[in-house]
């Protein structure tokens, strides 16, 4: 019975593996390039790139390249750094003091 419960829990987690990903283009036979829907740049089939929305993309999908904090201490705040493509979490009264991220999602 334990094996069945564990199997069900693992199956329920599959949808979370690509929680920060979405598909935006189907590759059709004969295609050599695809266009990034954010930056409108063209890329060869089979390549990967990072766009200006901090997503790692291929011609089949784009995935967020960062974790979004969901739980931080009450005396802390978060701010997204577009240059580094990550959230910085720090004390509200002292930006130089970092805080732990207690939970996050892709």
PDB file of N, CA and C in Angstrom:
ATOM      1  N   UNK A   1       0.817  -1.187   0.000  1.00  0.00           N
ATOM      2  CA  UNK A   1       0.000   0.000   0.000  1.00  0.00           C
ATOM      3  C   UNK A   1       0.868   1.261   0.000  1.00  0.00           C
ATOM      4  N   UNK A   2       1.996   1.209   0.735  1.00  0.00           N
ATOM      5  CA  UNK A   2       2.889   2.364   0.780  1.00  0.00           C
ATOM      6  C   UNK A   2       3.406   2.703  -0.612  1.00  0.00           C
ATOM      7  N   UNK A   3       3.692   1.691  -1.400  1.00  0.00           N
ATOM      8  CA  UNK A   3       4.211   1.914  -2.759  1.00  0.00           C
ATOM      9  C   UNK A   3       3.190   2.648  -3.626  1.00  0.00           C
ATOM     10  N   UNK A   4       1.932   2.310  -3.468  1.00  0.00           N
ATOM     11  CA  UNK A   4       0.872   2.961  -4.251  1.00  0.00           C
ATOM     12  C   UNK A   4       0.767   4.434  -3.875  1.00  0.00           C
ATOM     13  N   UNK A   5       0.822   4.718  -2.590  1.00  0.00           N
ATOM     14  CA  UNK A   5       0.739   6.102  -2.117  1.00  0.00           C
ATOM     15  C   UNK A   5       1.938   6.898  -2.621  1.00  0.00           C
ATOM     16  N   UNK A   6       3.116   6.339  -2.532  1.00  0.00           N
ATOM     17  CA  UNK A   6       4.325   7.021  -3.009  1.00  0.00           C
ATOM     18  C   UNK A   6       4.243   7.253  -4.512  1.00  0.00           C
ATOM     19  N   UNK A   7       3.786   6.272  -5.254  1.00  0.00           N
ATOM     20  CA  UNK A   7       3.647   6.421  -6.709  1.00  0.00           C
ATOM     21  C   UNK A   7       2.667   7.541  -7.049  1.00  0.00           C
ATOM     22  N   UNK A   8       1.551   7.599  -6.339  1.00  0.00           N
ATOM     23  CA  UNK A   8       0.571   8.663  -6.585  1.00  0.00           C
ATOM     24  C   UNK A   8       1.146  10.037  -6.267  1.00  0.00           C
ATOM     25  N   UNK A   9       1.890  10.145  -5.183  1.00  0.00           N
ATOM     26  CA  UNK A   9       2.511  11.418  -4.826  1.00  0.00           C
ATOM     27  C   UNK A   9       3.526  11.854  -5.881  1.00  0.00           C
ATOM     28  N   UNK A  10       4.318  10.917  -6.363  1.00  0.00           N
ATOM     29  CA  UNK A  10       5.297  11.246  -7.395  1.00  0.00           C
ATOM     30  C   UNK A  10       4.615  11.694  -8.684  1.00  0.00           C
ATOM     31  N   UNK A  11       3.545  11.033  -9.060  1.00  0.00           N
ATOM     32  CA  UNK A  11       2.805  11.419 -10.269  1.00  0.00           C
ATOM     33  C   UNK A  11       2.215  12.818 -10.117  1.00  0.00           C
ATOM     34  N   UNK A  12       1.766  13.142  -8.929  1.00  0.00           N
ATOM     35  CA  UNK A  12       1.193  14.471  -8.693  1.00  0.00           C
ATOM     36  C   UNK A  12       2.253  15.558  -8.830  1.00  0.00           C
ATOM     37  N   UNK A  13       3.505  15.219  -8.594  1.00  0.00           N
ATOM     38  CA  UNK A  13       4.584  16.192  -8.674  1.00  0.00           C
ATOM     39  C   UNK A  13       5.049  16.449 -10.106  1.00  0.00           C
ATOM     40  N   UNK A  14       4.702  15.585 -11.050  1.00  0.00           N
ATOM     41  CA  UNK A  14       5.169  15.745 -12.427  1.00  0.00           C
ATOM     42  C   UNK A  14       4.787  17.092 -13.025  1.00  0.00           C
ATOM     43  N   UNK A  15       3.590  17.574 -12.719  1.00  0.00           N
ATOM     44  CA  UNK A  15       3.174  18.849 -13.277  1.00  0.00           C
ATOM     45  C   UNK A  15       4.020  20.002 -12.751  1.00  0.00           C
ATOM     46  N   UNK A  16       4.658  19.837 -11.602  1.00  0.00           N
ATOM     47  CA  UNK A  16       5.476  20.891 -11.031  1.00  0.00           C
ATOM     48  C   UNK A  16       6.857  20.972 -11.661  1.00  0.00           C
ATOM     49  N   UNK A  17       7.292  19.914 -12.318  1.00  0.00           N
ATOM     50  CA  UNK A  17       8.621  19.907 -12.907  1.00  0.00           C
ATOM     51  C   UNK A  17       8.787  21.001 -13.952  1.00  0.00           C
ATOM     52  N   UNK A  18       7.736  21.295 -14.684  1.00  0.00           N
ATOM     53  CA  UNK A  18       7.795  22.328 -15.709  1.00  0.00           C
ATOM     54  C   UNK A  18       6.852  23.470 -15.367  1.00  0.00           C
ATOM     55  N   UNK A  19       6.684  23.750 -14.083  1.00  0.00           N
ATOM     56  CA  UNK A  19       5.766  24.790 -13.649  1.00  0.00           C
ATOM     57  C   UNK A  19       6.116  26.156 -14.189  1.00  0.00           C
ATOM     58  N   UNK A  20       7.411  26.427 -14.416  1.00  0.00           N
ATOM     59  CA  UNK A  20       7.835  27.717 -14.931  1.00  0.00           C
ATOM     60  C   UNK A  20       8.061  27.696 -16.419  1.00  0.00           C
ATOM     61  N   UNK A  21       7.591  26.653 -17.099  1.00  0.00           N
ATOM     62  CA  UNK A  21       7.796  26.524 -18.545  1.00  0.00           C
ATOM     63  C   UNK A  21       6.466  26.601 -19.278  1.00  0.00           C
ATOM     64  N   UNK A  22       6.555  27.037 -20.501  1.00  0.00           N
ATOM     65  CA  UNK A  22       5.387  27.009 -21.352  1.00  0.00           C
ATOM     66  C   UNK A  22       5.853  26.832 -22.786  1.00  0.00           C
ATOM     67  N   UNK A  23       5.021  26.231 -23.584  1.00  0.00           N
ATOM     68  CA  UNK A  23       5.354  25.948 -24.973  1.00  0.00           C
ATOM     69  C   UNK A  23       4.772  27.041 -25.849  1.00  0.00           C
ATOM     70  N   UNK A  24       5.544  27.459 -26.828  1.00  0.00           N
ATOM     71  CA  UNK A  24       5.031  28.543 -27.644  1.00  0.00           C
ATOM     72  C   UNK A  24       5.122  28.284 -29.140  1.00  0.00           C
ATOM     73  N   UNK A  25       5.775  27.219 -29.558  1.00  0.00           N
ATOM     74  CA  UNK A  25       5.879  26.991 -30.993  1.00  0.00           C
ATOM     75  C   UNK A  25       6.060  25.510 -31.285  1.00  0.00           C
ATOM     76  N   UNK A  26       5.359  25.052 -32.280  1.00  0.00           N
ATOM     77  CA  UNK A  26       5.569  23.699 -32.769  1.00  0.00           C
ATOM     78  C   UNK A  26       6.540  23.782 -33.947  1.00  0.00           C
ATOM     79  N   UNK A  27       7.553  22.929 -33.936  1.00  0.00           N
ATOM     80  CA  UNK A  27       8.512  22.917 -35.042  1.00  0.00           C
ATOM     81  C   UNK A  27       7.906  22.129 -36.195  1.00  0.00           C
ATOM     82  N   UNK A  28       7.861  22.764 -37.330  1.00  0.00           N
ATOM     83  CA  UNK A  28       7.301  22.124 -38.519  1.00  0.00           C
ATOM     84  C   UNK A  28       8.438  21.620 -39.399  1.00  0.00           C
ATOM     85  N   UNK A  29       8.205  20.550 -40.151  1.00  0.00           N
ATOM     86  CA  UNK A  29       9.242  20.019 -41.040  1.00  0.00           C
ATOM     87  C   UNK A  29       9.762  21.112 -41.983  1.00  0.00           C
ATOM     88  N   UNK A  30      11.068  21.161 -42.117  1.00  0.00           N
ATOM     89  CA  UNK A  30      11.685  22.136 -43.007  1.00  0.00           C
ATOM     90  C   UNK A  30      12.078  23.449 -42.340  1.00  0.00           C
ATOM     91  N   UNK A  31      11.611  23.664 -41.119  1.00  0.00           N
ATOM     92  CA  UNK A  31      11.974  24.904 -40.419  1.00  0.00           C
ATOM     93  C   UNK A  31      13.451  24.868 -40.043  1.00  0.00           C
ATOM     94  N   UNK A  32      14.139  25.984 -40.202  1.00  0.00           N
ATOM     95  CA  UNK A  32      15.540  26.082 -39.803  1.00  0.00           C
ATOM     96  C   UNK A  32      15.724  27.046 -38.638  1.00  0.00           C
ATOM     97  N   UNK A  33      14.749  27.952 -38.424  1.00  0.00           N
ATOM     98  CA  UNK A  33      14.832  28.945 -37.358  1.00  0.00           C
ATOM     99  C   UNK A  33      13.457  29.142 -36.724  1.00  0.00           C
ATOM    100  N   UNK A  34      13.461  29.681 -35.520  1.00  0.00           N
ATOM    101  CA  UNK A  34      12.216  30.066 -34.850  1.00  0.00           C
ATOM    102  C   UNK A  34      12.424  31.444 -34.242  1.00  0.00           C
ATOM    103  N   UNK A  35      11.322  32.105 -33.943  1.00  0.00           N
ATOM    104  CA  UNK A  35      11.394  33.465 -33.421  1.00  0.00           C
ATOM    105  C   UNK A  35      11.002  33.502 -31.948  1.00  0.00           C
ATOM    106  N   UNK A  36      11.824  34.175 -31.145  1.00  0.00           N
ATOM    107  CA  UNK A  36      11.509  34.398 -29.738  1.00  0.00           C
ATOM    108  C   UNK A  36      10.322  35.353 -29.684  1.00  0.00           C
ATOM    109  N   UNK A  37       9.282  34.970 -28.950  1.00  0.00           N
ATOM    110  CA  UNK A  37       8.063  35.781 -28.931  1.00  0.00           C
ATOM    111  C   UNK A  37       8.213  37.051 -28.104  1.00  0.00           C
ATOM    112  N   UNK A  38       9.233  37.136 -27.236  1.00  0.00           N
ATOM    113  CA  UNK A  38       9.452  38.329 -26.424  1.00  0.00           C
ATOM    114  C   UNK A  38      10.323  39.335 -27.171  1.00  0.00           C
ATOM    115  N   UNK A  39      11.501  38.888 -27.587  1.00  0.00           N
ATOM    116  CA  UNK A  39      12.477  39.793 -28.205  1.00  0.00           C
ATOM    117  C   UNK A  39      12.364  39.883 -29.722  1.00  0.00           C
ATOM    118  N   UNK A  40      11.579  38.983 -30.308  1.00  0.00           N
ATOM    119  CA  UNK A  40      11.406  38.930 -31.776  1.00  0.00           C
ATOM    120  C   UNK A  40      12.722  38.627 -32.506  1.00  0.00           C
ATOM    121  N   UNK A  41      13.636  37.941 -31.811  1.00  0.00           N
ATOM    122  CA  UNK A  41      14.907  37.540 -32.432  1.00  0.00           C
ATOM    123  C   UNK A  41      14.760  36.133 -33.001  1.00  0.00           C
ATOM    124  N   UNK A  42      15.540  35.825 -34.020  1.00  0.00           N
ATOM    125  CA  UNK A  42      15.483  34.521 -34.681  1.00  0.00           C
ATOM    126  C   UNK A  42      16.627  33.640 -34.197  1.00  0.00           C
ATOM    127  N   UNK A  43      16.336  32.351 -34.019  1.00  0.00           N
ATOM    128  CA  UNK A  43      17.328  31.405 -33.489  1.00  0.00           C
ATOM    129  C   UNK A  43      17.259  30.093 -34.258  1.00  0.00           C
ATOM    130  N   UNK A  44      18.426  29.453 -34.476  1.00  0.00           N
ATOM    131  CA  UNK A  44      18.441  28.165 -35.182  1.00  0.00           C
ATOM    132  C   UNK A  44      17.716  27.078 -34.381  1.00  0.00           C
ATOM    133  N   UNK A  45      17.056  26.182 -35.089  1.00  0.00           N
ATOM    134  CA  UNK A  45      16.416  25.032 -34.454  1.00  0.00           C
ATOM    135  C   UNK A  45      17.505  24.262 -33.691  1.00  0.00           C
ATOM    136  N   UNK A  46      17.200  23.864 -32.465  1.00  0.00           N
ATOM    137  CA  UNK A  46      18.150  23.113 -31.643  1.00  0.00           C
ATOM    138  C   UNK A  46      18.979  23.986 -30.715  1.00  0.00           C
ATOM    139  N   UNK A  47      18.905  25.307 -30.860  1.00  0.00           N
ATOM    140  CA  UNK A  47      19.695  26.193 -30.002  1.00  0.00           C
ATOM    141  C   UNK A  47      18.904  26.577 -28.758  1.00  0.00           C
ATOM    142  N   UNK A  48      19.604  27.107 -27.774  1.00  0.00           N
ATOM    143  CA  UNK A  48      18.994  27.648 -26.568  1.00  0.00           C
ATOM    144  C   UNK A  48      19.497  29.056 -26.364  1.00  0.00           C
ATOM    145  N   UNK A  49      18.653  29.919 -25.800  1.00  0.00           N
ATOM    146  CA  UNK A  49      19.035  31.301 -25.549  1.00  0.00           C
ATOM    147  C   UNK A  49      18.277  31.820 -24.337  1.00  0.00           C
ATOM    148  N   UNK A  50      18.734  32.940 -23.802  1.00  0.00           N
ATOM    149  CA  UNK A  50      18.038  33.622 -22.709  1.00  0.00           C
ATOM    150  C   UNK A  50      17.506  34.934 -23.264  1.00  0.00           C
ATOM    151  N   UNK A  51      16.217  35.175 -23.080  1.00  0.00           N
ATOM    152  CA  UNK A  51      15.640  36.410 -23.599  1.00  0.00           C
ATOM    153  C   UNK A  51      15.597  37.498 -22.526  1.00  0.00           C
ATOM    154  N   UNK A  52      15.111  38.663 -22.884  1.00  0.00           N
ATOM    155  CA  UNK A  52      15.105  39.803 -21.967  1.00  0.00           C
ATOM    156  C   UNK A  52      14.092  39.657 -20.832  1.00  0.00           C
ATOM    157  N   UNK A  53      13.215  38.662 -20.893  1.00  0.00           N
ATOM    158  CA  UNK A  53      12.264  38.388 -19.811  1.00  0.00           C
ATOM    159  C   UNK A  53      12.832  37.366 -18.829  1.00  0.00           C
ATOM    160  N   UNK A  54      14.135  37.124 -18.897  1.00  0.00           N
ATOM    161  CA  UNK A  54      14.817  36.173 -18.004  1.00  0.00           C
ATOM    162  C   UNK A  54      14.267  34.766 -18.160  1.00  0.00           C
ATOM    163  N   UNK A  55      14.016  34.366 -19.381  1.00  0.00           N
ATOM    164  CA  UNK A  55      13.568  33.013 -19.684  1.00  0.00           C
ATOM    165  C   UNK A  55      14.631  32.316 -20.514  1.00  0.00           C
ATOM    166  N   UNK A  56      14.858  31.036 -20.214  1.00  0.00           N
ATOM    167  CA  UNK A  56      15.736  30.201 -21.024  1.00  0.00           C
ATOM    168  C   UNK A  56      14.831  29.540 -22.059  1.00  0.00           C
ATOM    169  N   UNK A  57      15.163  29.736 -23.325  1.00  0.00           N
ATOM    170  CA  UNK A  57      14.261  29.283 -24.383  1.00  0.00           C
ATOM    171  C   UNK A  57      14.944  28.339 -25.359  1.00  0.00           C
ATOM    172  N   UNK A  58      14.121  27.540 -25.995  1.00  0.00           N
ATOM    173  CA  UNK A  58      14.478  26.770 -27.180  1.00  0.00           C
ATOM    174  C   UNK A  58      13.318  27.001 -28.138  1.00  0.00           C
ATOM    175  N   UNK A  59      13.362  26.398 -29.294  1.00  0.00           N
ATOM    176  CA  UNK A  59      12.268  26.605 -30.240  1.00  0.00           C
ATOM    177  C   UNK A  59      10.964  25.955 -29.778  1.00  0.00           C
ATOM    178  N   UNK A  60      11.036  25.020 -28.834  1.00  0.00           N
ATOM    179  CA  UNK A  60       9.835  24.352 -28.353  1.00  0.00           C
ATOM    180  C   UNK A  60       9.222  25.014 -27.131  1.00  0.00           C
ATOM    181  N   UNK A  61      10.043  25.634 -26.274  1.00  0.00           N
ATOM    182  CA  UNK A  61       9.518  26.155 -25.018  1.00  0.00           C
ATOM    183  C   UNK A  61      10.414  27.228 -24.443  1.00  0.00           C
ATOM    184  N   UNK A  62       9.846  27.982 -23.518  1.00  0.00           N
ATOM    185  CA  UNK A  62      10.603  28.916 -22.689  1.00  0.00           C
ATOM    186  C   UNK A  62      10.302  28.588 -21.235  1.00  0.00           C
ATOM    187  N   UNK A  63      11.330  28.676 -20.393  1.00  0.00           N
ATOM    188  CA  UNK A  63      11.172  28.398 -18.967  1.00  0.00           C
ATOM    189  C   UNK A  63      11.748  29.565 -18.176  1.00  0.00           C
ATOM    190  N   UNK A  64      11.083  29.911 -17.093  1.00  0.00           N
ATOM    191  CA  UNK A  64      11.642  30.940 -16.235  1.00  0.00           C
ATOM    192  C   UNK A  64      13.003  30.478 -15.739  1.00  0.00           C
ATOM    193  N   UNK A  65      13.948  31.380 -15.745  1.00  0.00           N
ATOM    194  CA  UNK A  65      15.312  31.044 -15.346  1.00  0.00           C
ATOM    195  C   UNK A  65      15.589  31.503 -13.920  1.00  0.00           C
ATOM    196  N   UNK A  66      14.543  31.611 -13.126  1.00  0.00           N
ATOM    197  CA  UNK A  66      14.707  32.093 -11.766  1.00  0.00           C
ATOM    198  C   UNK A  66      13.636  31.477 -10.865  1.00  0.00           C
ATOM    199  N   UNK A  67      13.901  31.502  -9.572  1.00  0.00           N
ATOM    200  CA  UNK A  67      12.950  31.025  -8.567  1.00  0.00           C
ATOM    201  C   UNK A  67      12.255  32.247  -7.973  1.00  0.00           C
ATOM    202  N   UNK A  68      10.941  32.184  -7.855  1.00  0.00           N
ATOM    203  CA  UNK A  68      10.180  33.263  -7.233  1.00  0.00           C
ATOM    204  C   UNK A  68       9.947  32.911  -5.764  1.00  0.00           C
ATOM    205  N   UNK A  69      10.480  33.721  -4.849  1.00  0.00           N
ATOM    206  CA  UNK A  69      10.253  33.446  -3.427  1.00  0.00           C
ATOM    207  C   UNK A  69       8.767  33.511  -3.090  1.00  0.00           C
ATOM    208  N   UNK A  70       8.290  32.549  -2.301  1.00  0.00           N
ATOM    209  CA  UNK A  70       6.896  32.515  -1.876  1.00  0.00           C
ATOM    210  C   UNK A  70       6.756  32.705  -0.374  1.00  0.00           C
ATOM    211  N   UNK A  71       7.837  32.460   0.345  1.00  0.00           N
ATOM    212  CA  UNK A  71       7.776  32.617   1.799  1.00  0.00           C
ATOM    213  C   UNK A  71       9.110  33.170   2.274  1.00  0.00           C
ATOM    214  N   UNK A  72       9.046  34.368   2.852  1.00  0.00           N
ATOM    215  CA  UNK A  72      10.232  35.003   3.421  1.00  0.00           C
ATOM    216  C   UNK A  72       9.861  35.525   4.805  1.00  0.00           C
ATOM    217  N   UNK A  73      10.841  35.763   5.659  1.00  0.00           N
ATOM    218  CA  UNK A  73      10.534  36.302   6.991  1.00  0.00           C
ATOM    219  C   UNK A  73       9.806  37.646   6.893  1.00  0.00           C
ATOM    220  N   UNK A  74       8.993  37.962   7.889  1.00  0.00           N
ATOM    221  CA  UNK A  74       8.191  39.191   7.892  1.00  0.00           C
ATOM    222  C   UNK A  74       9.024  40.468   7.857  1.00  0.00           C
ATOM    223  N   UNK A  75      10.235  40.411   8.405  1.00  0.00           N
ATOM    224  CA  UNK A  75      11.062  41.618   8.430  1.00  0.00           C
ATOM    225  C   UNK A  75      11.922  41.767   7.172  1.00  0.00           C
ATOM    226  N   UNK A  76      11.585  41.003   6.133  1.00  0.00           N
ATOM    227  CA  UNK A  76      12.353  41.028   4.892  1.00  0.00           C
ATOM    228  C   UNK A  76      11.478  41.435   3.714  1.00  0.00           C
ATOM    229  N   UNK A  77      12.112  41.811   2.633  1.00  0.00           N
ATOM    230  CA  UNK A  77      11.410  42.133   1.398  1.00  0.00           C
ATOM    231  C   UNK A  77      12.193  41.566   0.229  1.00  0.00           C
ATOM    232  N   UNK A  78      11.555  41.505  -0.931  1.00  0.00           N
ATOM    233  CA  UNK A  78      12.243  40.974  -2.106  1.00  0.00           C
ATOM    234  C   UNK A  78      12.128  41.968  -3.254  1.00  0.00           C
ATOM    235  N   UNK A  79      13.123  41.882  -4.147  1.00  0.00           N
ATOM    236  CA  UNK A  79      13.173  42.761  -5.305  1.00  0.00           C
ATOM    237  C   UNK A  79      13.801  41.980  -6.450  1.00  0.00           C
ATOM    238  N   UNK A  80      13.210  42.076  -7.646  1.00  0.00           N
ATOM    239  CA  UNK A  80      13.740  41.337  -8.794  1.00  0.00           C
ATOM    240  C   UNK A  80      14.858  42.130  -9.448  1.00  0.00           C
ATOM    241  N   UNK A  81      16.005  41.479  -9.656  1.00  0.00           N
ATOM    242  CA  UNK A  81      17.146  42.085 -10.342  1.00  0.00           C
ATOM    243  C   UNK A  81      17.119  41.619 -11.797  1.00  0.00           C
ATOM    244  N   UNK A  82      16.691  42.482 -12.694  1.00  0.00           N
ATOM    245  CA  UNK A  82      16.542  42.148 -14.112  1.00  0.00           C
ATOM    246  C   UNK A  82      17.897  41.830 -14.761  1.00  0.00           C
ATOM    247  N   UNK A  83      18.964  42.423 -14.283  1.00  0.00           N
ATOM    248  CA  UNK A  83      20.293  42.170 -14.838  1.00  0.00           C
ATOM    249  C   UNK A  83      20.774  40.761 -14.516  1.00  0.00           C
ATOM    250  N   UNK A  84      20.569  40.339 -13.265  1.00  0.00           N
ATOM    251  CA  UNK A  84      21.017  39.015 -12.833  1.00  0.00           C
ATOM    252  C   UNK A  84      19.936  37.945 -12.961  1.00  0.00           C
ATOM    253  N   UNK A  85      18.726  38.343 -13.327  1.00  0.00           N
ATOM    254  CA  UNK A  85      17.591  37.419 -13.471  1.00  0.00           C
ATOM    255  C   UNK A  85      17.356  36.610 -12.199  1.00  0.00           C
ATOM    256  N   UNK A  86      17.298  37.305 -11.068  1.00  0.00           N
ATOM    257  CA  UNK A  86      17.000  36.629  -9.816  1.00  0.00           C
ATOM    258  C   UNK A  86      16.415  37.618  -8.819  1.00  0.00           C
ATOM    259  N   UNK A  87      15.680  37.054  -7.854  1.00  0.00           N
ATOM    260  CA  UNK A  87      15.150  37.866  -6.776  1.00  0.00           C
ATOM    261  C   UNK A  87      16.214  38.022  -5.707  1.00  0.00           C
ATOM    262  N   UNK A  88      16.319  39.223  -5.177  1.00  0.00           N
ATOM    263  CA  UNK A  88      17.192  39.468  -4.037  1.00  0.00           C
ATOM    264  C   UNK A  88      16.273  39.673  -2.839  1.00  0.00           C
ATOM    265  N   UNK A  89      16.588  38.987  -1.747  1.00  0.00           N
ATOM    266  CA  UNK A  89      15.777  39.057  -0.536  1.00  0.00           C
ATOM    267  C   UNK A  89      16.662  39.636   0.560  1.00  0.00           C
ATOM    268  N   UNK A  90      16.171  40.722   1.169  1.00  0.00           N
ATOM    269  CA  UNK A  90      16.986  41.433   2.151  1.00  0.00           C
ATOM    270  C   UNK A  90      16.099  42.036   3.240  1.00  0.00           C
ATOM    271  N   UNK A  91      16.754  42.466   4.343  1.00  0.00           N
ATOM    272  CA  UNK A  91      16.041  43.078   5.469  1.00  0.00           C
ATOM    273  C   UNK A  91      15.415  44.397   5.016  1.00  0.00           C
ATOM    274  N   UNK A  92      14.210  44.652   5.496  1.00  0.00           N
ATOM    275  CA  UNK A  92      13.507  45.887   5.132  1.00  0.00           C
ATOM    276  C   UNK A  92      14.265  47.132   5.577  1.00  0.00           C
ATOM    277  N   UNK A  93      14.926  47.043   6.703  1.00  0.00           N
ATOM    278  CA  UNK A  93      15.632  48.212   7.231  1.00  0.00           C
ATOM    279  C   UNK A  93      17.117  48.240   6.881  1.00  0.00           C
ATOM    280  N   UNK A  94      17.608  47.200   6.165  1.00  0.00           N
ATOM    281  CA  UNK A  94      19.033  47.151   5.793  1.00  0.00           C
ATOM    282  C   UNK A  94      19.205  46.283   4.550  1.00  0.00           C
ATOM    283  N   UNK A  95      19.274  46.942   3.401  1.00  0.00           N
ATOM    284  CA  UNK A  95      19.374  46.230   2.124  1.00  0.00           C
ATOM    285  C   UNK A  95      20.658  45.413   1.986  1.00  0.00           C
ATOM    286  N   UNK A  96      21.640  45.662   2.822  1.00  0.00           N
ATOM    287  CA  UNK A  96      22.908  44.924   2.737  1.00  0.00           C
ATOM    288  C   UNK A  96      22.828  43.575   3.459  1.00  0.00           C
ATOM    289  N   UNK A  97      21.788  43.374   4.269  1.00  0.00           N
ATOM    290  CA  UNK A  97      21.633  42.134   5.029  1.00  0.00           C
ATOM    291  C   UNK A  97      20.649  41.221   4.315  1.00  0.00           C
ATOM    292  N   UNK A  98      21.149  40.097   3.816  1.00  0.00           N
ATOM    293  CA  UNK A  98      20.273  39.173   3.085  1.00  0.00           C
ATOM    294  C   UNK A  98      19.411  38.360   4.054  1.00  0.00           C
ATOM    295  N   UNK A  99      18.317  37.828   3.506  1.00  0.00           N
ATOM    296  CA  UNK A  99      17.373  37.020   4.280  1.00  0.00           C
ATOM    297  C   UNK A  99      17.224  35.654   3.617  1.00  0.00           C
ATOM    298  N   UNK A 100      16.833  34.661   4.391  1.00  0.00           N
ATOM    299  CA  UNK A 100      16.600  33.327   3.806  1.00  0.00           C
ATOM    300  C   UNK A 100      15.276  33.289   3.057  1.00  0.00           C
ATOM    301  N   UNK A 101      15.243  32.474   2.012  1.00  0.00           N
ATOM    302  CA  UNK A 101      14.001  32.185   1.301  1.00  0.00           C
ATOM    303  C   UNK A 101      13.519  30.849   1.840  1.00  0.00           C
ATOM    304  N   UNK A 102      12.351  30.854   2.457  1.00  0.00           N
ATOM    305  CA  UNK A 102      11.837  29.662   3.104  1.00  0.00           C
ATOM    306  C   UNK A 102      11.063  28.755   2.153  1.00  0.00           C
ATOM    307  N   UNK A 103      10.568  29.318   1.053  1.00  0.00           N
ATOM    308  CA  UNK A 103       9.882  28.534   0.020  1.00  0.00           C
ATOM    309  C   UNK A 103       9.885  29.346  -1.270  1.00  0.00           C
ATOM    310  N   UNK A 104       9.907  28.642  -2.388  1.00  0.00           N
ATOM    311  CA  UNK A 104       9.909  29.329  -3.676  1.00  0.00           C
ATOM    312  C   UNK A 104       9.405  28.420  -4.778  1.00  0.00           C
ATOM    313  N   UNK A 105       9.070  29.006  -5.913  1.00  0.00           N
ATOM    314  CA  UNK A 105       8.595  28.249  -7.064  1.00  0.00           C
ATOM    315  C   UNK A 105       9.325  28.722  -8.315  1.00  0.00           C
ATOM    316  N   UNK A 106       9.420  27.802  -9.274  1.00  0.00           N
ATOM    317  CA  UNK A 106      10.008  28.161 -10.569  1.00  0.00           C
ATOM    318  C   UNK A 106       9.013  28.903 -11.404  1.00  0.00           C
TER     319      UNK A 106
END
